[in-house]
Amino acid sequence: KAGGLVMISPSATRVSITDPASPDFGGPVFHRVVGKDDLQGPALAKYATSGVSNAKVFVFDDQSAYAVPLRGYVEAGLKKVSGATLVGGDSVPNTTTDFSPTIAKIKTSGANVVIYTGYYSQGAVFIKQLRDSGSTAVFAGGDGVFNQEYPKLAGAAAEGSRVTGVGGLAGISAALEADYKKKMGVSSGVYSVESYDAANILLAGIKAGKTSRSAMLKYVKSFNGKSVSGNTIKFDKNGDVSYGLFAGFTSKGGVLVNTGIIK
């Protein structure tokens, strides 16, 4: 920012980064090709409770700078979900290995849906302990849990988990995925579409001769083009992308499977 170096994030969802009133504000250099947590929170609330009659929801975070704000947006989003009730919550350090106090609170609350806004490594530890306790509550997490390592670490306990992730993966074609896997030797992963888009914007700027920092910043700010997923990419004055889609994923057979854009 001090050097006027433009940046495009494929993954930063924190709301304050594009809020001019916040000390976190990244303008004028910061841009993102991913939605932010004030969109993800309601999407996660809706996805976690989908199909659950009289959803009683327990929400907890890992005290991180990512998880705490997201929890707030989830809880706000729950107020707009018909039939859903927030029955409890907790906040635990991200070094926690024994979740029994939290699980006891979940049991006491009578929750049939548990939403975790932290990261996948702790989420995997938690879900194993939750299932070992006998709980059959729906478990859901945000994009911090959106990682194929989650079902690998959690094993059978992860089956049926609901996770929100960036919407890009929901929009790519089978042919493009096959091409990626052929060239790279592995399947595309989390934020791969967004990373591809971010890189292509900067490469297009270089191709157009925008090779000074000021010229590239101006180019990115006025960019209007297509994502590989088909969405139109352009940025508002604070650096947010013109769309902020989140998709649902569920753990099935040891992998997170895309269930489509959450509407």
C-alpha atoms as a PDB file:
ATOM      1  CA  LYS A   1       0.000   0.000   0.000  1.00  0.00           C
ATOM      2  CA  ALA A   2       2.803   2.405   0.915  1.00  0.00           C
ATOM      3  CA  GLY A   3       4.496   1.634  -2.410  1.00  0.00           C
ATOM      4  CA  GLY A   4       1.361   1.796  -4.558  1.00  0.00           C
ATOM      5  CA  LEU A   5       1.649  -1.875  -5.508  1.00  0.00           C
ATOM      6  CA  VAL A   6      -1.726  -3.197  -6.694  1.00  0.00           C
ATOM      7  CA  MET A   7      -2.869  -6.522  -5.278  1.00  0.00           C
ATOM      8  CA  ILE A   8      -5.726  -8.911  -6.039  1.00  0.00           C
ATOM      9  CA  SER A   9      -6.627 -11.483  -3.392  1.00  0.00           C
ATOM     10  CA  PRO A  10      -8.269 -14.783  -4.353  1.00  0.00           C
ATOM     11  CA  SER A  11      -9.240 -15.627  -0.769  1.00  0.00           C
ATOM     12  CA  ALA A  12      -9.426 -12.713   1.699  1.00  0.00           C
ATOM     13  CA  THR A  13     -13.042 -12.536   2.906  1.00  0.00           C
ATOM     14  CA  ARG A  14     -12.629 -10.169   5.875  1.00  0.00           C
ATOM     15  CA  VAL A  15     -15.148  -7.346   5.473  1.00  0.00           C
ATOM     16  CA  SER A  16     -13.042  -4.556   6.984  1.00  0.00           C
ATOM     17  CA  ILE A  17     -10.348  -4.771   4.278  1.00  0.00           C
ATOM     18  CA  THR A  18     -12.656  -2.948   1.861  1.00  0.00           C
ATOM     19  CA  ASP A  19     -14.294  -0.695   4.456  1.00  0.00           C
ATOM     20  CA  PRO A  20     -12.940   2.885   4.133  1.00  0.00           C
ATOM     21  CA  ALA A  21     -13.891   3.565   7.766  1.00  0.00           C
ATOM     22  CA  SER A  22     -11.704   0.713   9.049  1.00  0.00           C
ATOM     23  CA  PRO A  23      -7.991   0.888   9.904  1.00  0.00           C
ATOM     24  CA  ASP A  24      -7.721  -2.361   7.927  1.00  0.00           C
ATOM     25  CA  PHE A  25      -8.775  -0.629   4.690  1.00  0.00           C
ATOM     26  CA  GLY A  26      -6.537  -1.699   1.824  1.00  0.00           C
ATOM     27  CA  GLY A  27      -7.506   1.007  -0.633  1.00  0.00           C
ATOM     28  CA  PRO A  28      -6.467   2.095  -3.108  1.00  0.00           C
ATOM     29  CA  VAL A  29      -4.309  -0.958  -3.868  1.00  0.00           C
ATOM     30  CA  PHE A  30      -6.351  -3.864  -2.463  1.00  0.00           C
ATOM     31  CA  HIS A  31      -8.831  -5.784  -4.645  1.00  0.00           C
ATOM     32  CA  ARG A  32     -10.439  -9.207  -4.302  1.00  0.00           C
ATOM     33  CA  VAL A  33     -12.107 -11.684  -6.647  1.00  0.00           C
ATOM     34  CA  VAL A  34     -13.945 -13.420  -3.808  1.00  0.00           C
ATOM     35  CA  GLY A  35     -17.037 -12.541  -1.810  1.00  0.00           C
ATOM     36  CA  LYS A  36     -16.771 -11.222   1.727  1.00  0.00           C
ATOM     37  CA  ASP A  37     -18.018 -12.573   5.023  1.00  0.00           C
ATOM     38  CA  ASP A  38     -21.128 -10.410   5.280  1.00  0.00           C
ATOM     39  CA  LEU A  39     -22.309 -12.482   2.305  1.00  0.00           C
ATOM     40  CA  GLN A  40     -20.800 -15.767   3.462  1.00  0.00           C
ATOM     41  CA  GLY A  41     -22.334 -15.608   6.960  1.00  0.00           C
ATOM     42  CA  PRO A  42     -25.954 -15.622   5.761  1.00  0.00           C
ATOM     43  CA  ALA A  43     -25.121 -18.223   3.095  1.00  0.00           C
ATOM     44  CA  LEU A  44     -23.603 -20.505   5.734  1.00  0.00           C
ATOM     45  CA  ALA A  45     -26.595 -20.008   8.045  1.00  0.00           C
ATOM     46  CA  LYS A  46     -28.957 -20.936   5.219  1.00  0.00           C
ATOM     47  CA  TYR A  47     -26.936 -23.934   4.014  1.00  0.00           C
ATOM     48  CA  ALA A  48     -26.364 -25.361   7.502  1.00  0.00           C
ATOM     49  CA  THR A  49     -30.066 -25.342   8.331  1.00  0.00           C
ATOM     50  CA  SER A  50     -31.406 -26.401   4.940  1.00  0.00           C
ATOM     51  CA  GLY A  51     -33.882 -29.253   5.325  1.00  0.00           C
ATOM     52  CA  VAL A  52     -33.669 -29.190   9.125  1.00  0.00           C
ATOM     53  CA  SER A  53     -37.081 -28.793  10.706  1.00  0.00           C
ATOM     54  CA  ASN A  54     -37.110 -26.436  13.705  1.00  0.00           C
ATOM     55  CA  ALA A  55     -33.351 -25.882  13.484  1.00  0.00           C
ATOM     56  CA  LYS A  56     -31.769 -25.208  16.873  1.00  0.00           C
ATOM     57  CA  VAL A  57     -28.341 -23.762  16.118  1.00  0.00           C
ATOM     58  CA  PHE A  58     -25.148 -23.567  18.167  1.00  0.00           C
ATOM     59  CA  VAL A  59     -22.362 -21.383  16.739  1.00  0.00           C
ATOM     60  CA  PHE A  60     -18.749 -21.238  17.931  1.00  0.00           C
ATOM     61  CA  ASP A  61     -15.451 -19.721  16.820  1.00  0.00           C
ATOM     62  CA  ASP A  62     -11.719 -20.273  17.377  1.00  0.00           C
ATOM     63  CA  GLN A  63     -11.012 -16.696  18.545  1.00  0.00           C
ATOM     64  CA  SER A  64      -9.138 -15.881  15.320  1.00  0.00           C
ATOM     65  CA  ALA A  65      -9.415 -12.609  13.387  1.00  0.00           C
ATOM     66  CA  TYR A  66     -11.219 -14.597  10.675  1.00  0.00           C
ATOM     67  CA  ALA A  67     -13.587 -16.652  12.809  1.00  0.00           C
ATOM     68  CA  VAL A  68     -14.959 -14.061  15.237  1.00  0.00           C
ATOM     69  CA  PRO A  69     -16.391 -11.647  12.636  1.00  0.00           C
ATOM     70  CA  LEU A  70     -17.735 -14.522  10.521  1.00  0.00           C
ATOM     71  CA  ARG A  71     -19.563 -15.884  13.559  1.00  0.00           C
ATOM     72  CA  GLY A  72     -21.295 -12.525  13.927  1.00  0.00           C
ATOM     73  CA  TYR A  73     -22.443 -12.586  10.303  1.00  0.00           C
ATOM     74  CA  VAL A  74     -23.680 -16.172  10.684  1.00  0.00           C
ATOM     75  CA  GLU A  75     -25.702 -15.287  13.771  1.00  0.00           C
ATOM     76  CA  ALA A  76     -27.162 -12.237  12.017  1.00  0.00           C
ATOM     77  CA  GLY A  77     -28.022 -14.414   9.025  1.00  0.00           C
ATOM     78  CA  LEU A  78     -29.815 -16.957  11.206  1.00  0.00           C
ATOM     79  CA  LYS A  79     -32.372 -14.302  12.150  1.00  0.00           C
ATOM     80  CA  LYS A  80     -33.557 -14.356   8.545  1.00  0.00           C
ATOM     81  CA  VAL A  81     -33.846 -18.154   8.293  1.00  0.00           C
ATOM     82  CA  SER A  82     -37.431 -19.202   8.873  1.00  0.00           C
ATOM     83  CA  GLY A  83     -37.806 -21.669  11.746  1.00  0.00           C
ATOM     84  CA  ALA A  84     -34.175 -21.402  12.880  1.00  0.00           C
ATOM     85  CA  THR A  85     -33.261 -20.450  16.446  1.00  0.00           C
ATOM     86  CA  LEU A  86     -29.858 -19.606  17.920  1.00  0.00           C
ATOM     87  CA  VAL A  87     -29.715 -21.687  21.114  1.00  0.00           C
ATOM     88  CA  GLY A  88     -26.084 -21.253  22.177  1.00  0.00           C
ATOM     89  CA  GLY A  89     -22.501 -20.488  21.330  1.00  0.00           C
ATOM     90  CA  ASP A  90     -18.899 -20.694  22.459  1.00  0.00           C
ATOM     91  CA  SER A  91     -15.441 -19.294  21.733  1.00  0.00           C
ATOM     92  CA  VAL A  92     -12.371 -21.493  22.158  1.00  0.00           C
ATOM     93  CA  PRO A  93      -8.647 -20.977  21.453  1.00  0.00           C
ATOM     94  CA  ASN A  94      -7.403 -22.317  18.123  1.00  0.00           C
ATOM     95  CA  THR A  95      -5.002 -24.551  20.073  1.00  0.00           C
ATOM     96  CA  THR A  96      -7.854 -26.494  21.688  1.00  0.00           C
ATOM     97  CA  THR A  97      -7.520 -30.274  21.588  1.00  0.00           C
ATOM     98  CA  ASP A  98     -10.245 -31.211  24.086  1.00  0.00           C
ATOM     99  CA  PHE A  99     -13.640 -29.928  23.013  1.00  0.00           C
ATOM    100  CA  SER A 100     -15.611 -31.674  25.763  1.00  0.00           C
ATOM    101  CA  PRO A 101     -16.693 -28.388  27.467  1.00  0.00           C
ATOM    102  CA  THR A 102     -18.074 -27.102  24.159  1.00  0.00           C
ATOM    103  CA  ILE A 103     -19.739 -30.440  23.409  1.00  0.00           C
ATOM    104  CA  ALA A 104     -21.364 -30.352  26.859  1.00  0.00           C
ATOM    105  CA  LYS A 105     -22.781 -26.906  26.053  1.00  0.00           C
ATOM    106  CA  ILE A 106     -24.085 -28.201  22.734  1.00  0.00           C
ATOM    107  CA  LYS A 107     -25.833 -31.076  24.497  1.00  0.00           C
ATOM    108  CA  THR A 108     -27.352 -28.774  27.117  1.00  0.00           C
ATOM    109  CA  SER A 109     -28.573 -26.351  24.442  1.00  0.00           C
ATOM    110  CA  GLY A 110     -30.422 -29.084  22.560  1.00  0.00           C
ATOM    111  CA  ALA A 111     -28.844 -27.972  19.293  1.00  0.00           C
ATOM    112  CA  ASN A 112     -29.466 -30.063  16.195  1.00  0.00           C
ATOM    113  CA  VAL A 113     -27.178 -27.885  14.035  1.00  0.00           C
ATOM    114  CA  VAL A 114     -23.618 -26.882  14.959  1.00  0.00           C
ATOM    115  CA  ILE A 115     -21.775 -24.214  12.971  1.00  0.00           C
ATOM    116  CA  TYR A 116     -18.018 -23.685  13.387  1.00  0.00           C
ATOM    117  CA  THR A 117     -16.399 -20.573  11.941  1.00  0.00           C
ATOM    118  CA  GLY A 118     -12.740 -21.537  12.459  1.00  0.00           C
ATOM    119  CA  TYR A 119     -10.284 -23.558  10.392  1.00  0.00           C
ATOM    120  CA  TYR A 120     -10.285 -27.123   9.068  1.00  0.00           C
ATOM    121  CA  SER A 121      -7.527 -28.581  11.258  1.00  0.00           C
ATOM    122  CA  GLN A 122      -9.401 -27.873  14.497  1.00  0.00           C
ATOM    123  CA  GLY A 123     -12.700 -28.605  12.809  1.00  0.00           C
ATOM    124  CA  ALA A 124     -11.491 -32.134  12.094  1.00  0.00           C
ATOM    125  CA  VAL A 125     -10.530 -32.666  15.735  1.00  0.00           C
ATOM    126  CA  PHE A 126     -13.874 -31.293  16.909  1.00  0.00           C
ATOM    127  CA  ILE A 127     -16.114 -33.314  14.603  1.00  0.00           C
ATOM    128  CA  LYS A 128     -14.476 -36.569  15.653  1.00  0.00           C
ATOM    129  CA  GLN A 129     -15.093 -35.752  19.303  1.00  0.00           C
ATOM    130  CA  LEU A 130     -18.647 -34.591  18.583  1.00  0.00           C
ATOM    131  CA  ARG A 131     -19.491 -37.850  16.821  1.00  0.00           C
ATOM    132  CA  ASP A 132     -17.770 -39.886  19.538  1.00  0.00           C
ATOM    133  CA  SER A 133     -20.078 -38.186  22.049  1.00  0.00           C
ATOM    134  CA  GLY A 134     -23.056 -39.642  20.222  1.00  0.00           C
ATOM    135  CA  SER A 135     -24.296 -36.385  18.738  1.00  0.00           C
ATOM    136  CA  THR A 136     -25.968 -36.594  15.345  1.00  0.00           C
ATOM    137  CA  ALA A 137     -26.316 -32.798  14.941  1.00  0.00           C
ATOM    138  CA  VAL A 138     -25.627 -31.374  11.486  1.00  0.00           C
ATOM    139  CA  PHE A 139     -22.090 -29.965  11.427  1.00  0.00           C
ATOM    140  CA  ALA A 140     -21.283 -27.025   9.182  1.00  0.00           C
ATOM    141  CA  GLY A 141     -18.309 -24.745   8.667  1.00  0.00           C
ATOM    142  CA  GLY A 142     -17.233 -21.735   6.643  1.00  0.00           C
ATOM    143  CA  ASP A 143     -14.486 -21.445   4.064  1.00  0.00           C
ATOM    144  CA  GLY A 144     -11.882 -21.969   6.791  1.00  0.00           C
ATOM    145  CA  VAL A 145     -13.063 -25.605   6.817  1.00  0.00           C
ATOM    146  CA  PHE A 146     -13.310 -25.626   3.022  1.00  0.00           C
ATOM    147  CA  ASN A 147     -10.230 -27.717   2.378  1.00  0.00           C
ATOM    148  CA  GLN A 148      -9.912 -31.286   1.094  1.00  0.00           C
ATOM    149  CA  GLU A 149      -7.621 -31.980   4.054  1.00  0.00           C
ATOM    150  CA  TYR A 150     -10.644 -31.687   6.359  1.00  0.00           C
ATOM    151  CA  PRO A 151     -12.320 -34.992   5.376  1.00  0.00           C
ATOM    152  CA  LYS A 152      -8.915 -36.673   5.237  1.00  0.00           C
ATOM    153  CA  LEU A 153      -8.110 -35.628   8.798  1.00  0.00           C
ATOM    154  CA  ALA A 154     -11.596 -36.279  10.182  1.00  0.00           C
ATOM    155  CA  GLY A 155     -12.195 -39.573   8.411  1.00  0.00           C
ATOM    156  CA  ALA A 156     -15.651 -41.115   8.697  1.00  0.00           C
ATOM    157  CA  ALA A 157     -16.710 -38.485  11.231  1.00  0.00           C
ATOM    158  CA  ALA A 158     -16.670 -35.863   8.467  1.00  0.00           C
ATOM    159  CA  GLU A 159     -19.341 -37.594   6.384  1.00  0.00           C
ATOM    160  CA  GLY A 160     -22.313 -35.321   5.792  1.00  0.00           C
ATOM    161  CA  SER A 161     -20.551 -32.151   6.955  1.00  0.00           C
ATOM    162  CA  ARG A 162     -21.743 -28.991   5.225  1.00  0.00           C
ATOM    163  CA  VAL A 163     -19.168 -26.401   4.218  1.00  0.00           C
ATOM    164  CA  THR A 164     -19.375 -23.103   2.386  1.00  0.00           C
ATOM    165  CA  GLY A 165     -16.708 -22.277  -0.153  1.00  0.00           C
ATOM    166  CA  VAL A 166     -16.057 -19.728  -2.850  1.00  0.00           C
ATOM    167  CA  GLY A 167     -18.384 -19.976  -5.797  1.00  0.00           C
ATOM    168  CA  GLY A 168     -15.770 -20.265  -8.534  1.00  0.00           C
ATOM    169  CA  LEU A 169     -15.502 -24.025  -8.383  1.00  0.00           C
ATOM    170  CA  ALA A 170     -19.236 -24.291  -9.040  1.00  0.00           C
ATOM    171  CA  GLY A 171     -18.859 -22.588 -12.393  1.00  0.00           C
ATOM    172  CA  ILE A 172     -15.992 -24.351 -14.158  1.00  0.00           C
ATOM    173  CA  SER A 173     -16.546 -26.883 -16.899  1.00  0.00           C
ATOM    174  CA  ALA A 174     -15.582 -30.541 -16.765  1.00  0.00           C
ATOM    175  CA  ALA A 175     -13.347 -29.958 -19.793  1.00  0.00           C
ATOM    176  CA  LEU A 176     -11.389 -27.184 -18.069  1.00  0.00           C
ATOM    177  CA  GLU A 177     -10.971 -29.310 -14.940  1.00  0.00           C
ATOM    178  CA  ALA A 178      -9.726 -32.236 -17.029  1.00  0.00           C
ATOM    179  CA  ASP A 179      -7.258 -29.939 -18.803  1.00  0.00           C
ATOM    180  CA  TYR A 180      -6.011 -28.591 -15.480  1.00  0.00           C
ATOM    181  CA  LYS A 181      -5.509 -32.070 -14.070  1.00  0.00           C
ATOM    182  CA  LYS A 182      -3.680 -33.213 -17.204  1.00  0.00           C
ATOM    183  CA  LYS A 183      -1.266 -30.286 -17.106  1.00  0.00           C
ATOM    184  CA  MET A 184      -0.755 -30.045 -13.341  1.00  0.00           C
ATOM    185  CA  GLY A 185      -1.000 -33.689 -12.339  1.00  0.00           C
ATOM    186  CA  VAL A 186      -3.560 -32.973  -9.613  1.00  0.00           C
ATOM    187  CA  SER A 187      -7.151 -31.756  -9.411  1.00  0.00           C
ATOM    188  CA  SER A 188      -7.786 -28.053  -8.946  1.00  0.00           C
ATOM    189  CA  GLY A 189      -8.198 -27.064  -5.311  1.00  0.00           C
ATOM    190  CA  VAL A 190      -9.601 -24.402  -3.059  1.00  0.00           C
ATOM    191  CA  TYR A 191      -9.413 -20.892  -4.589  1.00  0.00           C
ATOM    192  CA  SER A 192      -7.883 -22.239  -7.808  1.00  0.00           C
ATOM    193  CA  VAL A 193     -10.446 -20.453 -10.002  1.00  0.00           C
ATOM    194  CA  GLU A 194     -10.039 -17.208  -8.098  1.00  0.00           C
ATOM    195  CA  SER A 195      -6.233 -17.448  -8.222  1.00  0.00           C
ATOM    196  CA  TYR A 196      -6.397 -18.108 -11.957  1.00  0.00           C
ATOM    197  CA  ASP A 197      -8.623 -15.056 -12.440  1.00  0.00           C
ATOM    198  CA  ALA A 198      -6.425 -12.784 -10.311  1.00  0.00           C
ATOM    199  CA  ALA A 199      -3.284 -13.807 -12.195  1.00  0.00           C
ATOM    200  CA  ASN A 200      -4.970 -13.365 -15.568  1.00  0.00           C
ATOM    201  CA  ILE A 201      -6.049  -9.807 -14.763  1.00  0.00           C
ATOM    202  CA  LEU A 202      -2.460  -8.836 -13.962  1.00  0.00           C
ATOM    203  CA  LEU A 203      -1.111 -10.686 -17.001  1.00  0.00           C
ATOM    204  CA  ALA A 204      -3.635  -8.894 -19.207  1.00  0.00           C
ATOM    205  CA  GLY A 205      -2.412  -5.602 -17.784  1.00  0.00           C
ATOM    206  CA  ILE A 206       1.189  -6.461 -18.599  1.00  0.00           C
ATOM    207  CA  LYS A 207       0.161  -7.504 -22.106  1.00  0.00           C
ATOM    208  CA  ALA A 208      -1.556  -4.133 -22.483  1.00  0.00           C
ATOM    209  CA  GLY A 209       1.715  -2.398 -21.602  1.00  0.00           C
ATOM    210  CA  LYS A 210       0.773  -1.358 -18.072  1.00  0.00           C
ATOM    211  CA  THR A 211       4.203  -2.010 -16.602  1.00  0.00           C
ATOM    212  CA  SER A 212       4.488   0.759 -14.007  1.00  0.00           C
ATOM    213  CA  ARG A 213       2.787   0.476 -10.624  1.00  0.00           C
ATOM    214  CA  SER A 214       0.564   3.475 -11.229  1.00  0.00           C
ATOM    215  CA  ALA A 215      -0.486   2.276 -14.680  1.00  0.00           C
ATOM    216  CA  MET A 216      -1.242  -1.239 -13.418  1.00  0.00           C
ATOM    217  CA  LEU A 217      -3.282   0.101 -10.493  1.00  0.00           C
ATOM    218  CA  LYS A 218      -5.354   2.240 -12.858  1.00  0.00           C
ATOM    219  CA  TYR A 219      -5.815  -0.743 -15.195  1.00  0.00           C
ATOM    220  CA  VAL A 220      -7.052  -3.046 -12.418  1.00  0.00           C
ATOM    221  CA  LYS A 221      -9.419  -0.406 -11.069  1.00  0.00           C
ATOM    222  CA  SER A 222     -11.062  -0.031 -14.484  1.00  0.00           C
ATOM    223  CA  PHE A 223     -10.927  -3.735 -15.403  1.00  0.00           C
ATOM    224  CA  ASN A 224     -14.068  -5.240 -16.910  1.00  0.00           C
ATOM    225  CA  GLY A 225     -13.700  -8.799 -18.119  1.00  0.00           C
ATOM    226  CA  LYS A 226     -14.771 -12.404 -17.677  1.00  0.00           C
ATOM    227  CA  SER A 227     -13.867 -14.927 -15.011  1.00  0.00           C
ATOM    228  CA  VAL A 228     -12.995 -18.422 -16.149  1.00  0.00           C
ATOM    229  CA  SER A 229     -16.261 -19.347 -14.411  1.00  0.00           C
ATOM    230  CA  GLY A 230     -18.210 -17.010 -16.696  1.00  0.00           C
ATOM    231  CA  ASN A 231     -18.897 -14.222 -14.194  1.00  0.00           C
ATOM    232  CA  THR A 232     -18.111 -10.615 -15.107  1.00  0.00           C
ATOM    233  CA  ILE A 233     -15.174  -9.261 -13.109  1.00  0.00           C
ATOM    234  CA  LYS A 234     -15.083  -5.588 -12.253  1.00  0.00           C
ATOM    235  CA  PHE A 235     -14.287  -3.848  -8.999  1.00  0.00           C
ATOM    236  CA  ASP A 236     -16.122  -1.186  -7.053  1.00  0.00           C
ATOM    237  CA  LYS A 237     -14.315   1.868  -5.663  1.00  0.00           C
ATOM    238  CA  ASN A 238     -13.289  -0.027  -2.512  1.00  0.00           C
ATOM    239  CA  GLY A 239     -11.893  -3.081  -4.313  1.00  0.00           C
ATOM    240  CA  ASP A 240     -14.795  -5.522  -3.983  1.00  0.00           C
ATOM    241  CA  VAL A 241     -15.652  -7.734  -6.946  1.00  0.00           C
ATOM    242  CA  SER A 242     -18.969  -7.295  -8.750  1.00  0.00           C
ATOM    243  CA  TYR A 243     -20.224 -10.691  -7.543  1.00  0.00           C
ATOM    244  CA  GLY A 244     -19.738 -12.548  -4.273  1.00  0.00           C
ATOM    245  CA  LEU A 245     -20.937 -16.076  -4.754  1.00  0.00           C
ATOM    246  CA  PHE A 246     -20.614 -18.891  -2.244  1.00  0.00           C
ATOM    247  CA  ALA A 247     -21.257 -22.543  -2.977  1.00  0.00           C
ATOM    248  CA  GLY A 248     -22.198 -25.414  -0.718  1.00  0.00           C
ATOM    249  CA  PHE A 249     -20.030 -28.486  -0.319  1.00  0.00           C
ATOM    250  CA  THR A 250     -20.697 -31.681   1.578  1.00  0.00           C
ATOM    251  CA  SER A 251     -18.292 -34.382   2.692  1.00  0.00           C
ATOM    252  CA  LYS A 252     -19.049 -37.605   0.883  1.00  0.00           C
ATOM    253  CA  GLY A 253     -16.806 -40.624   0.576  1.00  0.00           C
ATOM    254  CA  GLY A 254     -13.833 -38.753   2.020  1.00  0.00           C
ATOM    255  CA  VAL A 255     -13.994 -35.694  -0.253  1.00  0.00           C
ATOM    256  CA  LEU A 256     -15.847 -32.383  -0.290  1.00  0.00           C
ATOM    257  CA  VAL A 257     -18.402 -32.503  -3.104  1.00  0.00           C
ATOM    258  CA  ASN A 258     -19.882 -29.397  -4.704  1.00  0.00           C
ATOM    259  CA  THR A 259     -23.661 -29.065  -4.231  1.00  0.00           C
ATOM    260  CA  GLY A 260     -24.047 -25.768  -6.121  1.00  0.00           C
ATOM    261  CA  ILE A 261     -24.332 -22.044  -5.525  1.00  0.00           C
ATOM    262  CA  ILE A 262     -26.231 -21.095  -2.363  1.00  0.00           C
ATOM    263  CA  LYS A 263     -29.104 -18.806  -3.353  1.00  0.00           C
END
